[in-house]
Protein backbone atom coordinates (compact mmCIF):
# COMPACT_ATOMS: atom_id res chain seq x y z
CA MET A 1 56.50 124.13 156.98
CA HIS A 2 60.27 123.77 157.18
CA LYS A 3 59.96 120.00 156.80
CA VAL A 4 57.88 120.40 153.63
CA LEU A 5 60.44 122.80 152.11
CA ALA A 6 63.28 120.45 153.00
CA LYS A 7 61.56 117.52 151.31
CA ALA A 8 60.88 119.62 148.21
CA LEU A 9 64.51 120.77 148.01
CA ALA A 10 65.72 117.20 148.42
CA ALA A 11 63.47 116.08 145.56
CA VAL A 12 64.82 118.86 143.31
CA VAL A 13 68.42 117.96 144.11
CA LEU A 14 67.74 114.27 143.41
CA THR A 15 66.06 115.09 140.09
CA LEU A 16 68.95 117.34 138.99
CA GLY A 17 71.42 114.64 139.95
CA LEU A 18 69.65 112.05 137.84
CA LEU A 19 69.47 114.41 134.87
CA PHE A 20 73.18 115.20 135.16
CA ALA A 21 74.06 111.50 135.30
CA ALA A 22 71.93 110.75 132.25
CA SER A 23 73.53 113.62 130.36
CA ALA A 24 77.00 112.38 131.25
CA CYS A 25 76.13 108.89 130.00
CA ASP A 26 74.83 110.34 126.73
CA ARG A 27 78.05 112.29 126.24
CA LYS A 28 80.11 109.20 127.01
CA GLY A 29 78.10 107.17 124.49
CA ASP A 30 78.50 109.87 121.86
CA ALA A 31 82.25 110.02 122.38
CA ALA A 32 82.54 106.26 122.09
CA SER A 33 80.64 106.30 118.80
CA GLY A 34 83.15 108.79 117.40
CA GLY A 35 82.69 112.36 116.26
CA GLY A 36 80.09 113.46 118.86
CA GLY A 37 77.11 111.87 117.07
CA LYS A 38 75.01 108.78 117.57
CA LYS A 39 76.84 106.98 114.75
CA PRO A 40 80.59 106.76 114.05
CA LEU A 41 81.60 108.91 111.08
CA ILE A 42 84.28 107.63 108.68
CA GLY A 43 85.94 110.12 106.34
CA VAL A 44 86.78 108.59 102.95
CA SER A 45 88.93 110.49 100.44
CA PHE A 46 89.61 109.25 96.91
CA ASP A 47 92.24 110.70 94.62
CA THR A 48 89.88 110.02 91.72
CA LEU A 49 86.71 108.15 90.77
CA GLN A 50 87.51 108.04 87.06
CA THR A 51 87.65 104.26 86.69
CA GLU A 52 85.22 101.47 87.54
CA TYR A 53 87.59 100.12 90.18
CA TRP A 54 87.42 103.30 92.24
CA VAL A 55 83.65 103.56 91.87
CA ALA A 56 83.22 99.93 92.90
CA SER A 57 85.53 100.58 95.86
CA ARG A 58 83.51 103.59 96.94
CA ASP A 59 80.29 101.58 96.84
CA ALA A 60 81.81 98.62 98.71
CA LEU A 61 83.29 100.88 101.39
CA GLU A 62 79.96 102.61 101.91
CA ALA A 63 78.16 99.27 102.23
CA GLU A 64 80.70 97.99 104.75
CA ILE A 65 80.63 101.21 106.78
CA LYS A 66 76.82 101.14 106.93
CA ALA A 67 76.90 97.47 107.91
CA ARG A 68 78.84 98.52 111.01
CA GLY A 69 76.23 101.11 111.92
CA ALA A 70 78.42 104.02 110.86
CA GLU A 71 78.18 106.81 108.28
CA MET A 72 80.54 107.75 105.45
CA LEU A 73 81.71 111.26 104.64
CA ILE A 74 83.02 111.13 101.05
CA ALA A 75 85.44 113.47 99.28
CA VAL A 76 87.19 113.28 95.89
CA ALA A 77 90.43 115.18 95.23
CA ASN A 78 90.42 114.93 91.41
CA ASN A 79 94.15 114.15 91.23
CA ASP A 80 95.07 117.15 93.41
CA ALA A 81 97.29 116.19 96.37
CA ALA A 82 96.87 119.59 98.05
CA ARG A 83 93.09 119.27 97.86
CA GLN A 84 93.25 115.79 99.34
CA LEU A 85 95.23 117.11 102.32
CA GLU A 86 92.56 119.79 102.80
CA GLN A 87 89.92 117.07 102.76
CA VAL A 88 91.75 115.14 105.47
CA ASN A 89 92.08 118.28 107.59
CA ASN A 90 88.35 118.85 107.14
CA PHE A 91 87.66 115.30 108.34
CA ILE A 92 89.79 116.00 111.41
CA THR A 93 87.92 119.24 112.12
CA LYS A 94 84.63 117.35 111.96
CA GLY A 95 85.92 114.86 114.51
CA VAL A 96 85.61 111.72 112.41
CA THR A 97 86.12 108.32 113.99
CA GLY A 98 88.63 107.31 111.35
CA ILE A 99 89.93 108.10 107.87
CA ILE A 100 90.28 105.91 104.78
CA ILE A 101 92.29 107.48 101.98
CA ALA A 102 93.10 106.31 98.45
CA PRO A 103 96.12 108.57 97.90
CA LYS A 104 97.59 110.05 94.77
CA ASP A 105 101.00 108.55 95.50
CA ALA A 106 103.31 107.41 98.27
CA GLN A 107 104.88 110.80 98.96
CA ALA A 108 101.82 113.03 98.62
CA VAL A 109 99.96 111.19 101.38
CA VAL A 110 102.64 111.71 104.06
CA PRO A 111 101.32 115.09 105.34
CA ALA A 112 97.82 113.60 105.64
CA ILE A 113 99.13 110.70 107.71
CA LYS A 114 101.03 113.05 110.02
CA ALA A 115 97.96 115.28 110.44
CA ALA A 116 95.81 112.28 111.40
CA ASN A 117 98.50 111.08 113.81
CA ARG A 118 98.61 114.46 115.53
CA ALA A 119 94.84 114.36 115.93
CA LYS A 120 95.03 110.75 117.18
CA ILE A 121 92.58 109.63 114.48
CA PRO A 122 93.16 106.22 112.83
CA ILE A 123 94.09 106.44 109.15
CA VAL A 124 93.98 103.58 106.63
CA LEU A 125 95.49 103.80 103.15
CA TYR A 126 93.52 102.09 100.42
CA ASN A 127 95.27 100.57 97.40
CA ARG A 128 98.58 102.49 97.68
CA PRO A 129 101.17 102.31 100.48
CA PRO A 130 102.98 105.40 101.82
CA ALA A 131 106.63 106.32 101.61
CA ASP A 132 108.95 105.04 104.34
CA ASN A 133 108.80 106.72 107.75
CA ALA A 134 105.50 108.42 106.92
CA GLY A 135 104.00 107.91 110.35
CA LYS A 136 101.46 105.47 111.77
CA SER A 137 98.96 104.03 109.30
CA VAL A 138 97.61 100.77 107.93
CA THR A 139 97.71 99.97 104.22
CA ILE A 140 95.35 97.66 102.36
CA VAL A 141 96.76 96.75 98.96
CA ALA A 142 96.53 94.00 96.36
CA ASP A 143 99.52 91.70 96.13
CA ASN A 144 100.24 93.08 92.68
CA ARG A 145 103.36 91.08 91.96
CA GLU A 146 101.97 87.70 93.02
CA ILE A 147 98.59 88.17 91.33
CA THR A 148 100.36 89.17 88.11
CA LYS A 149 102.72 86.19 88.36
CA ALA A 150 99.77 83.82 88.69
CA THR A 151 97.95 85.47 85.77
CA VAL A 152 100.90 85.45 83.37
CA THR A 153 101.81 81.91 84.46
CA HIS A 154 98.35 80.86 83.28
CA LEU A 155 99.03 82.39 79.86
CA VAL A 156 102.43 80.71 79.63
CA GLU A 157 100.92 77.34 80.55
CA LEU A 158 98.30 77.75 77.83
CA ALA A 159 101.08 78.45 75.33
CA ARG A 160 103.16 75.54 76.60
CA LYS A 161 100.24 73.10 76.25
CA ALA A 162 99.67 74.32 72.70
CA GLY A 163 103.34 73.83 71.90
CA ARG A 164 103.75 77.41 70.72
CA LYS A 165 106.35 80.09 71.34
CA HIS A 166 105.40 83.75 71.67
CA LYS A 167 106.83 87.21 71.58
CA ALA A 168 105.19 89.02 74.47
CA LEU A 169 103.99 92.58 74.99
CA ILE A 170 103.27 94.27 78.31
CA LEU A 171 101.47 97.58 78.77
CA VAL A 172 103.33 99.16 81.68
CA GLY A 173 101.53 101.60 83.98
CA ASP A 174 102.81 104.80 85.53
CA LEU A 175 106.07 103.82 87.25
CA GLY A 176 105.44 106.53 89.84
CA ASP A 177 102.75 104.15 91.11
CA VAL A 178 104.08 101.23 93.16
CA ASN A 179 101.19 99.11 91.91
CA ALA A 180 102.44 99.50 88.33
CA ILE A 181 105.94 98.48 89.43
CA GLY A 182 104.64 95.36 91.16
CA ARG A 183 102.69 94.30 88.09
CA ARG A 184 105.65 94.89 85.77
CA ASP A 185 107.93 92.91 88.08
CA GLY A 186 105.45 90.04 88.35
CA PHE A 187 105.29 89.85 84.55
CA ASP A 188 109.09 89.90 84.30
CA ASP A 189 109.42 87.14 86.90
CA VAL A 190 107.39 84.77 84.74
CA VAL A 191 108.71 85.57 81.27
CA LYS A 192 112.34 85.37 82.41
CA ALA A 193 111.64 81.92 83.81
CA SER A 194 109.95 80.76 80.60
CA PRO A 195 112.53 80.90 77.78
CA ASP A 196 110.97 77.79 76.27
CA VAL A 197 107.80 79.80 75.56
CA ILE A 198 108.68 83.51 75.52
CA THR A 199 111.12 84.50 72.77
CA GLY A 200 111.19 88.23 73.51
CA VAL A 201 109.37 91.07 75.27
CA VAL A 202 108.16 94.49 74.13
CA GLN A 203 107.30 97.06 76.80
CA VAL A 204 104.74 99.76 76.00
CA PRO A 205 104.82 102.63 78.55
CA THR A 206 101.35 104.09 79.12
CA GLU A 207 101.48 106.24 82.29
CA TRP A 208 97.89 104.98 82.70
CA ASN A 209 96.89 107.00 79.63
CA GLN A 210 94.59 105.55 76.95
CA GLU A 211 96.01 107.60 74.09
CA LYS A 212 99.59 106.58 74.89
CA ALA A 213 98.49 102.98 75.22
CA LEU A 214 96.71 102.99 71.86
CA ALA A 215 99.64 104.59 70.05
CA GLY A 216 102.14 102.27 71.67
CA VAL A 217 100.24 99.03 71.05
CA THR A 218 99.35 100.04 67.47
CA ASN A 219 103.01 100.65 66.74
CA ALA A 220 104.18 97.46 68.47
CA LEU A 221 101.71 95.28 66.56
CA GLN A 222 103.50 96.11 63.35
CA ASP A 223 105.60 93.16 64.50
CA PRO A 224 103.54 90.09 63.53
CA ASP A 225 105.44 87.89 66.00
CA ILE A 226 103.73 89.50 69.01
CA SER A 227 101.12 87.00 70.06
CA LEU A 228 100.83 87.38 73.86
CA ILE A 229 99.69 90.61 75.55
CA PHE A 230 99.41 91.52 79.21
CA SER A 231 97.79 94.81 80.22
CA SER A 232 98.77 96.13 83.66
CA SER A 233 95.21 97.43 84.01
CA ASP A 234 91.89 96.39 82.51
CA PHE A 235 91.26 100.12 82.17
CA LEU A 236 93.55 100.00 79.10
CA PHE A 237 91.73 97.17 77.32
CA PRO A 238 89.78 99.48 74.96
CA SER A 239 93.12 100.63 73.51
CA VAL A 240 94.37 97.05 73.18
CA VAL A 241 91.18 95.88 71.51
CA SER A 242 91.19 98.83 69.11
CA ALA A 243 94.79 98.17 68.07
CA LEU A 244 94.14 94.45 67.57
CA LYS A 245 91.04 95.16 65.49
CA GLN A 246 93.03 97.53 63.25
CA GLN A 247 95.34 94.60 62.49
CA GLY A 248 92.47 92.14 62.08
CA ARG A 249 93.85 90.18 65.02
CA TYR A 250 91.08 90.40 67.60
CA LYS A 251 90.08 86.73 67.64
CA LYS A 252 88.26 84.58 70.15
CA VAL A 253 89.99 81.94 72.24
CA GLY A 254 90.46 78.87 70.04
CA GLU A 255 90.15 80.74 66.74
CA PRO A 256 93.15 80.75 64.37
CA GLY A 257 95.30 83.81 65.00
CA HIS A 258 94.06 84.37 68.57
CA VAL A 259 96.45 86.54 70.56
CA LEU A 260 96.84 85.29 74.14
CA LEU A 261 95.43 88.09 76.26
CA ALA A 262 95.31 88.87 79.97
CA GLY A 263 94.95 91.87 82.24
CA PHE A 264 94.77 93.03 85.84
CA ASP A 265 91.95 94.51 87.95
CA GLY A 266 88.74 92.58 87.39
CA ASP A 267 86.58 95.31 85.86
CA ALA A 268 83.35 95.02 83.88
CA THR A 269 85.13 95.26 80.52
CA ALA A 270 87.36 92.31 81.39
CA TYR A 271 84.39 90.32 82.63
CA GLN A 272 82.49 90.86 79.38
CA MET A 273 85.60 89.95 77.35
CA LEU A 274 85.81 86.70 79.30
CA VAL A 275 82.13 85.98 78.73
CA ASP A 276 82.43 86.77 75.02
CA GLY A 277 85.48 84.50 74.71
CA TYR A 278 88.18 87.03 73.80
CA LEU A 279 90.10 87.21 77.10
CA ASP A 280 92.14 84.27 78.35
CA ALA A 281 92.65 85.40 81.95
CA ASP A 282 92.43 88.32 84.35
CA GLY A 283 94.14 88.99 87.66
CA VAL A 284 91.42 90.21 90.02
CA GLN A 285 91.78 92.61 92.91
CA ASP A 286 89.24 91.44 95.47
CA VAL A 287 87.50 94.76 96.13
CA TYR A 288 85.21 93.18 98.71
CA PHE A 289 88.13 91.79 100.71
CA GLU A 290 90.00 95.11 100.49
CA CYS A 291 87.06 97.25 101.60
CA LYS A 292 86.08 94.93 104.42
CA ALA A 293 89.68 94.90 105.65
CA ALA A 294 89.98 98.70 105.42
CA VAL A 295 86.86 99.37 107.49
CA ALA A 296 87.76 96.65 110.00
CA ALA A 297 91.20 98.24 110.43
CA VAL A 298 89.68 101.64 111.23
CA PHE A 299 87.48 100.23 113.98
CA ASP A 300 90.21 97.98 115.36
CA LEU A 301 92.62 100.91 115.58
CA ARG A 302 89.94 102.99 117.27
CA ASP A 303 89.47 100.24 119.83
CA GLY A 304 93.20 100.04 120.53
CA LYS A 305 93.71 96.65 118.90
CA ASP A 306 96.93 95.64 117.16
CA VAL A 307 96.65 95.86 113.38
CA PRO A 308 99.51 94.97 111.01
CA PRO A 309 100.79 97.98 109.03
CA LEU A 310 100.31 96.14 105.71
CA ILE A 311 97.41 93.87 104.77
CA ARG A 312 97.71 92.25 101.34
CA ASP A 313 94.80 91.18 99.19
CA PRO A 314 95.81 87.80 97.67
CA GLY A 315 93.31 88.32 94.84
CA LEU A 316 92.58 85.58 92.32
CA VAL A 317 93.00 84.65 88.67
CA ILE A 318 89.80 84.23 86.70
CA HIS A 319 89.96 82.51 83.32
CA GLN A 320 87.90 80.56 80.82
CA GLY A 321 88.18 77.41 82.91
CA ASN A 322 86.86 78.78 86.20
CA LEU A 323 84.64 81.66 85.08
CA ALA A 324 81.37 80.14 86.24
CA GLU A 325 82.48 79.51 89.83
CA ALA A 326 84.85 82.46 90.29
CA LYS A 327 82.78 85.30 88.83
CA ALA A 328 81.05 86.00 92.17
CA ARG A 329 84.39 87.31 93.48
CA MET A 330 85.05 89.41 90.37
CA TRP A 331 83.72 92.86 91.19
CA GLY A 332 83.35 93.71 87.50
CA ALA A 333 80.81 90.91 87.13
CA ASN A 334 78.66 92.57 89.77
CA VAL A 335 79.11 96.02 88.22
CA LYS A 336 77.88 94.53 84.96
CA LYS A 337 74.81 93.09 86.68
CA ALA A 338 74.00 96.48 88.20
CA LYS A 339 73.94 98.05 84.75
């Protein structure tokens, strides 16, 4: 009788031990996946989704996160820095594996970085770098200055081949945005080095606002000598086109009176303008490169790998001469297809 009881007790103890071990393994697996679930959870916060670039970025990030077997928790701050910090704190409370944030500006994102650092959660900044000494983070950003230089150089070379001189106009973005500064500086680098082509420059401040852009370009085009325009964002092209049409100067490439025209971003409007023959060139942010790099950085940081604090997207210049082969890398071409 005692021997039977002893064997039964031993069997119970063995069974409980196996169950405990299995439970411990499950918990270990959950912890490794991040956030206590079967799949890693990545918190993604956007300052805004008001332009095609941000929407395309959201979609590309989601696709890349899913491709890694993870899930995305999305939040949009609607241009409210305090709300974006709340969103980051909510991500931390939920125990996310990592955070990707497209911040309002360099200063506003600092508290979010510090909060993530305290929680020991990797944080990656998308499209805008932080202020100095903000804490530990990785930034994925387009090489705004170099992409702009390459784009404007293409315009200048077109003018040089045609043997024409031009008075140039640049639509300047919000100078509180480092991206706008990089694009302005890239433009300046080229025009200052091209006195044989560029006879003068008019700057139109826009603060990334369509109404200010339209008013400024309409006023500037009272000067008939302006015949080369660079927009610091494709988002502003509707204002440029409207102002040119008012002056009867919206002409296709090769038509008499064509104004040399280029922009920056790679959106669907720019793509269609290229296809229709009105746009000479566009500097393209490679959304697919940027999103892939952002998600890879989160997982590499989680795994303790070394990741450089700044990863630049070299982008590309798409123009009438390479449109057919380069359009696959222009995110706006794919947005257009989806419509």
